[in-house]
Amino acid sequence: MLTIFNIYSDLYFLIGLLLLIFLIVPYAILVFVVIWVYKDAKKKGLNAVVWVLIVWIIPFFIGIILYMNNRTRSDSDN
């Protein structure tokens, strides 16, 4: 028998799953990318704080594309 409790229980599960998929997972990926950019920029002699801010603030991973482009240009300069 379908009750109100079962409907709300399924709805809460769906909301939690969507929250996990669309908010928590991308945020966790962004945190790992920012940590990697910081370590890599320090190793390459670039200004790590500026690159972390660029990667963190510019949306949709455009910042990481900019960093990778600059990183490969700085590698070819050496």
PDB file of N, CA and C in Angstrom:
ATOM      1  N   MET A   1       0.825  -1.170   0.000  1.00  0.00           N
ATOM      2  CA  MET A   1       0.000   0.000   0.000  1.00  0.00           C
ATOM      3  C   MET A   1       0.885   1.255   0.000  1.00  0.00           C
ATOM      4  N   LEU A   2       0.571   2.192  -0.843  1.00  0.00           N
ATOM      5  CA  LEU A   2       1.322   3.431  -0.965  1.00  0.00           C
ATOM      6  C   LEU A   2       0.805   4.434   0.058  1.00  0.00           C
ATOM      7  N   THR A   3       1.711   4.877   0.892  1.00  0.00           N
ATOM      8  CA  THR A   3       1.307   5.857   1.903  1.00  0.00           C
ATOM      9  C   THR A   3       2.050   7.159   1.674  1.00  0.00           C
ATOM     10  N   ILE A   4       1.612   8.167   2.386  1.00  0.00           N
ATOM     11  CA  ILE A   4       2.261   9.485   2.304  1.00  0.00           C
ATOM     12  C   ILE A   4       3.717   9.363   2.738  1.00  0.00           C
ATOM     13  N   PHE A   5       3.975   8.563   3.757  1.00  0.00           N
ATOM     14  CA  PHE A   5       5.350   8.407   4.256  1.00  0.00           C
ATOM     15  C   PHE A   5       6.262   7.832   3.181  1.00  0.00           C
ATOM     16  N   ASN A   6       5.781   6.860   2.442  1.00  0.00           N
ATOM     17  CA  ASN A   6       6.593   6.272   1.371  1.00  0.00           C
ATOM     18  C   ASN A   6       6.866   7.281   0.265  1.00  0.00           C
ATOM     19  N   ILE A   7       5.893   8.094  -0.072  1.00  0.00           N
ATOM     20  CA  ILE A   7       6.084   9.103  -1.114  1.00  0.00           C
ATOM     21  C   ILE A   7       7.137  10.111  -0.665  1.00  0.00           C
ATOM     22  N   TYR A   8       7.029  10.597   0.575  1.00  0.00           N
ATOM     23  CA  TYR A   8       8.003  11.566   1.066  1.00  0.00           C
ATOM     24  C   TYR A   8       9.376  10.937   1.227  1.00  0.00           C
ATOM     25  N   SER A   9       9.422   9.686   1.636  1.00  0.00           N
ATOM     26  CA  SER A   9      10.691   8.995   1.782  1.00  0.00           C
ATOM     27  C   SER A   9      11.406   8.896   0.437  1.00  0.00           C
ATOM     28  N   ASP A  10      10.670   8.540  -0.592  1.00  0.00           N
ATOM     29  CA  ASP A  10      11.261   8.463  -1.924  1.00  0.00           C
ATOM     30  C   ASP A  10      11.663   9.840  -2.439  1.00  0.00           C
ATOM     31  N   LEU A  11      10.870  10.845  -2.127  1.00  0.00           N
ATOM     32  CA  LEU A  11      11.183  12.204  -2.554  1.00  0.00           C
ATOM     33  C   LEU A  11      12.447  12.708  -1.868  1.00  0.00           C
ATOM     34  N   TYR A  12      12.598  12.437  -0.576  1.00  0.00           N
ATOM     35  CA  TYR A  12      13.803  12.851   0.135  1.00  0.00           C
ATOM     36  C   TYR A  12      15.029  12.130  -0.413  1.00  0.00           C
ATOM     37  N   PHE A  13      14.882  10.863  -0.753  1.00  0.00           N
ATOM     38  CA  PHE A  13      15.989  10.130  -1.351  1.00  0.00           C
ATOM     39  C   PHE A  13      16.377  10.742  -2.688  1.00  0.00           C
ATOM     40  N   LEU A  14      15.408  11.087  -3.511  1.00  0.00           N
ATOM     41  CA  LEU A  14      15.678  11.684  -4.808  1.00  0.00           C
ATOM     42  C   LEU A  14      16.339  13.048  -4.667  1.00  0.00           C
ATOM     43  N   ILE A  15      15.872  13.860  -3.731  1.00  0.00           N
ATOM     44  CA  ILE A  15      16.473  15.170  -3.491  1.00  0.00           C
ATOM     45  C   ILE A  15      17.919  15.005  -3.021  1.00  0.00           C
ATOM     46  N   GLY A  16      18.159  14.079  -2.130  1.00  0.00           N
ATOM     47  CA  GLY A  16      19.514  13.817  -1.655  1.00  0.00           C
ATOM     48  C   GLY A  16      20.428  13.329  -2.771  1.00  0.00           C
ATOM     49  N   LEU A  17      19.916  12.470  -3.629  1.00  0.00           N
ATOM     50  CA  LEU A  17      20.708  11.967  -4.748  1.00  0.00           C
ATOM     51  C   LEU A  17      21.039  13.081  -5.734  1.00  0.00           C
ATOM     52  N   LEU A  18      20.071  13.924  -6.046  1.00  0.00           N
ATOM     53  CA  LEU A  18      20.316  15.042  -6.950  1.00  0.00           C
ATOM     54  C   LEU A  18      21.297  16.044  -6.341  1.00  0.00           C
ATOM     55  N   LEU A  19      21.177  16.277  -5.044  1.00  0.00           N
ATOM     56  CA  LEU A  19      22.120  17.151  -4.357  1.00  0.00           C
ATOM     57  C   LEU A  19      23.532  16.597  -4.448  1.00  0.00           C
ATOM     58  N   LEU A  20      23.674  15.314  -4.257  1.00  0.00           N
ATOM     59  CA  LEU A  20      24.975  14.675  -4.355  1.00  0.00           C
ATOM     60  C   LEU A  20      25.542  14.793  -5.762  1.00  0.00           C
ATOM     61  N   ILE A  21      24.730  14.520  -6.749  1.00  0.00           N
ATOM     62  CA  ILE A  21      25.205  14.505  -8.132  1.00  0.00           C
ATOM     63  C   ILE A  21      25.552  15.900  -8.627  1.00  0.00           C
ATOM     64  N   PHE A  22      24.708  16.876  -8.361  1.00  0.00           N
ATOM     65  CA  PHE A  22      24.868  18.188  -8.984  1.00  0.00           C
ATOM     66  C   PHE A  22      25.584  19.227  -8.134  1.00  0.00           C
ATOM     67  N   LEU A  23      25.772  18.984  -6.836  1.00  0.00           N
ATOM     68  CA  LEU A  23      26.457  19.968  -6.009  1.00  0.00           C
ATOM     69  C   LEU A  23      27.719  19.424  -5.358  1.00  0.00           C
ATOM     70  N   ILE A  24      27.607  18.322  -4.675  1.00  0.00           N
ATOM     71  CA  ILE A  24      28.724  17.839  -3.876  1.00  0.00           C
ATOM     72  C   ILE A  24      29.835  17.256  -4.742  1.00  0.00           C
ATOM     73  N   VAL A  25      29.502  16.449  -5.717  1.00  0.00           N
ATOM     74  CA  VAL A  25      30.526  15.828  -6.564  1.00  0.00           C
ATOM     75  C   VAL A  25      31.308  16.873  -7.373  1.00  0.00           C
ATOM     76  N   PRO A  26      30.658  17.812  -8.063  1.00  0.00           N
ATOM     77  CA  PRO A  26      31.447  18.829  -8.775  1.00  0.00           C
ATOM     78  C   PRO A  26      32.290  19.693  -7.838  1.00  0.00           C
ATOM     79  N   TYR A  27      31.772  20.006  -6.658  1.00  0.00           N
ATOM     80  CA  TYR A  27      32.537  20.785  -5.697  1.00  0.00           C
ATOM     81  C   TYR A  27      33.774  20.013  -5.237  1.00  0.00           C
ATOM     82  N   ALA A  28      33.626  18.724  -4.978  1.00  0.00           N
ATOM     83  CA  ALA A  28      34.773  17.906  -4.574  1.00  0.00           C
ATOM     84  C   ALA A  28      35.804  17.829  -5.695  1.00  0.00           C
ATOM     85  N   ILE A  29      35.353  17.683  -6.919  1.00  0.00           N
ATOM     86  CA  ILE A  29      36.280  17.657  -8.057  1.00  0.00           C
ATOM     87  C   ILE A  29      37.024  18.989  -8.153  1.00  0.00           C
ATOM     88  N   LEU A  30      36.315  20.088  -7.973  1.00  0.00           N
ATOM     89  CA  LEU A  30      36.942  21.404  -8.028  1.00  0.00           C
ATOM     90  C   LEU A  30      37.991  21.563  -6.933  1.00  0.00           C
ATOM     91  N   VAL A  31      37.720  21.070  -5.744  1.00  0.00           N
ATOM     92  CA  VAL A  31      38.687  21.151  -4.650  1.00  0.00           C
ATOM     93  C   VAL A  31      39.949  20.365  -4.999  1.00  0.00           C
ATOM     94  N   PHE A  32      39.802  19.168  -5.532  1.00  0.00           N
ATOM     95  CA  PHE A  32      40.974  18.374  -5.911  1.00  0.00           C
ATOM     96  C   PHE A  32      41.761  19.041  -7.039  1.00  0.00           C
ATOM     97  N   VAL A  33      41.067  19.651  -7.987  1.00  0.00           N
ATOM     98  CA  VAL A  33      41.737  20.346  -9.085  1.00  0.00           C
ATOM     99  C   VAL A  33      42.506  21.550  -8.555  1.00  0.00           C
ATOM    100  N   VAL A  34      41.911  22.298  -7.633  1.00  0.00           N
ATOM    101  CA  VAL A  34      42.587  23.462  -7.061  1.00  0.00           C
ATOM    102  C   VAL A  34      43.841  23.036  -6.291  1.00  0.00           C
ATOM    103  N   ILE A  35      43.766  21.958  -5.547  1.00  0.00           N
ATOM    104  CA  ILE A  35      44.940  21.449  -4.830  1.00  0.00           C
ATOM    105  C   ILE A  35      46.034  21.058  -5.813  1.00  0.00           C
ATOM    106  N   TRP A  36      45.654  20.385  -6.894  1.00  0.00           N
ATOM    107  CA  TRP A  36      46.638  19.996  -7.905  1.00  0.00           C
ATOM    108  C   TRP A  36      47.266  21.217  -8.573  1.00  0.00           C
ATOM    109  N   VAL A  37      46.447  22.225  -8.904  1.00  0.00           N
ATOM    110  CA  VAL A  37      46.965  23.444  -9.537  1.00  0.00           C
ATOM    111  C   VAL A  37      47.946  24.137  -8.604  1.00  0.00           C
ATOM    112  N   TYR A  38      47.630  24.218  -7.339  1.00  0.00           N
ATOM    113  CA  TYR A  38      48.523  24.865  -6.385  1.00  0.00           C
ATOM    114  C   TYR A  38      49.877  24.170  -6.332  1.00  0.00           C
ATOM    115  N   LYS A  39      49.860  22.855  -6.203  1.00  0.00           N
ATOM    116  CA  LYS A  39      51.120  22.102  -6.132  1.00  0.00           C
ATOM    117  C   LYS A  39      51.900  22.195  -7.437  1.00  0.00           C
ATOM    118  N   ASP A  40      51.202  22.088  -8.554  1.00  0.00           N
ATOM    119  CA  ASP A  40      51.873  22.121  -9.848  1.00  0.00           C
ATOM    120  C   ASP A  40      52.441  23.503 -10.146  1.00  0.00           C
ATOM    121  N   ALA A  41      51.696  24.552  -9.813  1.00  0.00           N
ATOM    122  CA  ALA A  41      52.168  25.918 -10.066  1.00  0.00           C
ATOM    123  C   ALA A  41      53.399  26.227  -9.225  1.00  0.00           C
ATOM    124  N   LYS A  42      53.423  25.783  -7.985  1.00  0.00           N
ATOM    125  CA  LYS A  42      54.610  25.992  -7.152  1.00  0.00           C
ATOM    126  C   LYS A  42      55.808  25.259  -7.727  1.00  0.00           C
ATOM    127  N   LYS A  43      55.578  24.035  -8.219  1.00  0.00           N
ATOM    128  CA  LYS A  43      56.665  23.244  -8.792  1.00  0.00           C
ATOM    129  C   LYS A  43      57.202  23.887 -10.073  1.00  0.00           C
ATOM    130  N   LYS A  44      56.326  24.504 -10.853  1.00  0.00           N
ATOM    131  CA  LYS A  44      56.719  25.132 -12.117  1.00  0.00           C
ATOM    132  C   LYS A  44      57.249  26.552 -11.916  1.00  0.00           C
ATOM    133  N   GLY A  45      57.168  27.093 -10.698  1.00  0.00           N
ATOM    134  CA  GLY A  45      57.655  28.439 -10.440  1.00  0.00           C
ATOM    135  C   GLY A  45      56.670  29.521 -10.822  1.00  0.00           C
ATOM    136  N   LEU A  46      55.414  29.174 -10.976  1.00  0.00           N
ATOM    137  CA  LEU A  46      54.374  30.156 -11.289  1.00  0.00           C
ATOM    138  C   LEU A  46      53.777  30.686  -9.988  1.00  0.00           C
ATOM    139  N   ASN A  47      53.018  31.758 -10.065  1.00  0.00           N
ATOM    140  CA  ASN A  47      52.366  32.320  -8.897  1.00  0.00           C
ATOM    141  C   ASN A  47      51.163  31.438  -8.542  1.00  0.00           C
ATOM    142  N   ALA A  48      51.349  30.585  -7.551  1.00  0.00           N
ATOM    143  CA  ALA A  48      50.354  29.564  -7.222  1.00  0.00           C
ATOM    144  C   ALA A  48      49.052  30.163  -6.703  1.00  0.00           C
ATOM    145  N   VAL A  49      49.128  31.199  -5.892  1.00  0.00           N
ATOM    146  CA  VAL A  49      47.917  31.781  -5.306  1.00  0.00           C
ATOM    147  C   VAL A  49      47.037  32.403  -6.391  1.00  0.00           C
ATOM    148  N   VAL A  50      47.653  33.097  -7.324  1.00  0.00           N
ATOM    149  CA  VAL A  50      46.883  33.713  -8.409  1.00  0.00           C
ATOM    150  C   VAL A  50      46.209  32.638  -9.249  1.00  0.00           C
ATOM    151  N   TRP A  51      46.915  31.584  -9.573  1.00  0.00           N
ATOM    152  CA  TRP A  51      46.322  30.525 -10.389  1.00  0.00           C
ATOM    153  C   TRP A  51      45.220  29.780  -9.647  1.00  0.00           C
ATOM    154  N   VAL A  52      45.385  29.593  -8.351  1.00  0.00           N
ATOM    155  CA  VAL A  52      44.315  28.961  -7.564  1.00  0.00           C
ATOM    156  C   VAL A  52      43.066  29.830  -7.586  1.00  0.00           C
ATOM    157  N   LEU A  53      43.230  31.137  -7.423  1.00  0.00           N
ATOM    158  CA  LEU A  53      42.070  32.029  -7.466  1.00  0.00           C
ATOM    159  C   LEU A  53      41.411  32.025  -8.841  1.00  0.00           C
ATOM    160  N   ILE A  54      42.213  32.003  -9.890  1.00  0.00           N
ATOM    161  CA  ILE A  54      41.653  31.964 -11.243  1.00  0.00           C
ATOM    162  C   ILE A  54      40.866  30.678 -11.456  1.00  0.00           C
ATOM    163  N   VAL A  55      41.446  29.569 -11.070  1.00  0.00           N
ATOM    164  CA  VAL A  55      40.769  28.270 -11.264  1.00  0.00           C
ATOM    165  C   VAL A  55      39.521  28.188 -10.395  1.00  0.00           C
ATOM    166  N   TRP A  56      39.554  28.745  -9.185  1.00  0.00           N
ATOM    167  CA  TRP A  56      38.416  28.665  -8.279  1.00  0.00           C
ATOM    168  C   TRP A  56      37.274  29.583  -8.702  1.00  0.00           C
ATOM    169  N   ILE A  57      37.608  30.794  -9.176  1.00  0.00           N
ATOM    170  CA  ILE A  57      36.574  31.795  -9.435  1.00  0.00           C
ATOM    171  C   ILE A  57      35.943  31.652 -10.813  1.00  0.00           C
ATOM    172  N   ILE A  58      36.739  31.384 -11.832  1.00  0.00           N
ATOM    173  CA  ILE A  58      36.194  31.315 -13.189  1.00  0.00           C
ATOM    174  C   ILE A  58      35.410  30.008 -13.335  1.00  0.00           C
ATOM    175  N   PRO A  59      34.150  30.081 -13.736  1.00  0.00           N
ATOM    176  CA  PRO A  59      33.277  28.893 -13.713  1.00  0.00           C
ATOM    177  C   PRO A  59      33.510  27.921 -14.862  1.00  0.00           C
ATOM    178  N   PHE A  60      32.924  26.774 -14.699  1.00  0.00           N
ATOM    179  CA  PHE A  60      32.846  25.726 -15.715  1.00  0.00           C
ATOM    180  C   PHE A  60      34.223  25.262 -16.182  1.00  0.00           C
ATOM    181  N   PHE A  61      35.163  25.233 -15.284  1.00  0.00           N
ATOM    182  CA  PHE A  61      36.507  24.710 -15.539  1.00  0.00           C
ATOM    183  C   PHE A  61      37.237  25.454 -16.652  1.00  0.00           C
ATOM    184  N   ILE A  62      36.810  26.675 -16.951  1.00  0.00           N
ATOM    185  CA  ILE A  62      37.542  27.502 -17.912  1.00  0.00           C
ATOM    186  C   ILE A  62      38.887  27.891 -17.307  1.00  0.00           C
ATOM    187  N   GLY A  63      38.922  28.113 -15.993  1.00  0.00           N
ATOM    188  CA  GLY A  63      40.164  28.468 -15.309  1.00  0.00           C
ATOM    189  C   GLY A  63      41.220  27.391 -15.451  1.00  0.00           C
ATOM    190  N   ILE A  64      40.817  26.132 -15.356  1.00  0.00           N
ATOM    191  CA  ILE A  64      41.799  25.047 -15.496  1.00  0.00           C
ATOM    192  C   ILE A  64      42.305  24.968 -16.933  1.00  0.00           C
ATOM    193  N   ILE A  65      41.463  25.284 -17.896  1.00  0.00           N
ATOM    194  CA  ILE A  65      41.908  25.309 -19.293  1.00  0.00           C
ATOM    195  C   ILE A  65      42.923  26.433 -19.490  1.00  0.00           C
ATOM    196  N   LEU A  66      42.650  27.603 -18.892  1.00  0.00           N
ATOM    197  CA  LEU A  66      43.610  28.703 -18.969  1.00  0.00           C
ATOM    198  C   LEU A  66      44.934  28.321 -18.304  1.00  0.00           C
ATOM    199  N   TYR A  67      44.860  27.659 -17.155  1.00  0.00           N
ATOM    200  CA  TYR A  67      46.077  27.240 -16.461  1.00  0.00           C
ATOM    201  C   TYR A  67      46.867  26.240 -17.304  1.00  0.00           C
ATOM    202  N   MET A  68      46.180  25.271 -17.864  1.00  0.00           N
ATOM    203  CA  MET A  68      46.880  24.272 -18.678  1.00  0.00           C
ATOM    204  C   MET A  68      47.529  24.917 -19.900  1.00  0.00           C
ATOM    205  N   ASN A  69      46.865  25.902 -20.492  1.00  0.00           N
ATOM    206  CA  ASN A  69      47.432  26.607 -21.633  1.00  0.00           C
ATOM    207  C   ASN A  69      48.680  27.381 -21.221  1.00  0.00           C
ATOM    208  N   ASN A  70      48.614  28.088 -20.107  1.00  0.00           N
ATOM    209  CA  ASN A  70      49.765  28.839 -19.627  1.00  0.00           C
ATOM    210  C   ASN A  70      50.882  27.907 -19.173  1.00  0.00           C
ATOM    211  N   ARG A  71      50.519  26.799 -18.580  1.00  0.00           N
ATOM    212  CA  ARG A  71      51.497  25.832 -18.094  1.00  0.00           C
ATOM    213  C   ARG A  71      52.309  25.248 -19.244  1.00  0.00           C
ATOM    214  N   THR A  72      51.637  24.917 -20.342  1.00  0.00           N
ATOM    215  CA  THR A  72      52.365  24.345 -21.460  1.00  0.00           C
ATOM    216  C   THR A  72      53.235  25.403 -22.128  1.00  0.00           C
ATOM    217  N   ARG A  73      52.796  26.669 -22.151  1.00  0.00           N
ATOM    218  CA  ARG A  73      53.630  27.727 -22.712  1.00  0.00           C
ATOM    219  C   ARG A  73      54.840  27.963 -21.830  1.00  0.00           C
ATOM    220  N   SER A  74      54.691  27.888 -20.502  1.00  0.00           N
ATOM    221  CA  SER A  74      55.840  28.115 -19.631  1.00  0.00           C
ATOM    222  C   SER A  74      56.817  26.935 -19.704  1.00  0.00           C
ATOM    223  N   ASP A  75      56.309  25.717 -19.988  1.00  0.00           N
ATOM    224  CA  ASP A  75      57.199  24.570 -20.176  1.00  0.00           C
ATOM    225  C   ASP A  75      58.032  24.731 -21.444  1.00  0.00           C
ATOM    226  N   SER A  76      57.438  25.256 -22.501  1.00  0.00           N
ATOM    227  CA  SER A  76      58.172  25.413 -23.755  1.00  0.00           C
ATOM    228  C   SER A  76      59.177  26.556 -23.688  1.00  0.00           C
ATOM    229  N   ASP A  77      58.976  27.517 -22.766  1.00  0.00           N
ATOM    230  CA  ASP A  77      59.920  28.609 -22.603  1.00  0.00           C
ATOM    231  C   ASP A  77      61.223  28.150 -21.963  1.00  0.00           C
ATOM    232  N   ASN A  78      61.173  27.100 -21.162  1.00  0.00           N
ATOM    233  CA  ASN A  78      62.375  26.622 -20.453  1.00  0.00           C
ATOM    234  C   ASN A  78      63.293  25.857 -21.336  1.00  0.00           C
TER     235      ASN A  78
END
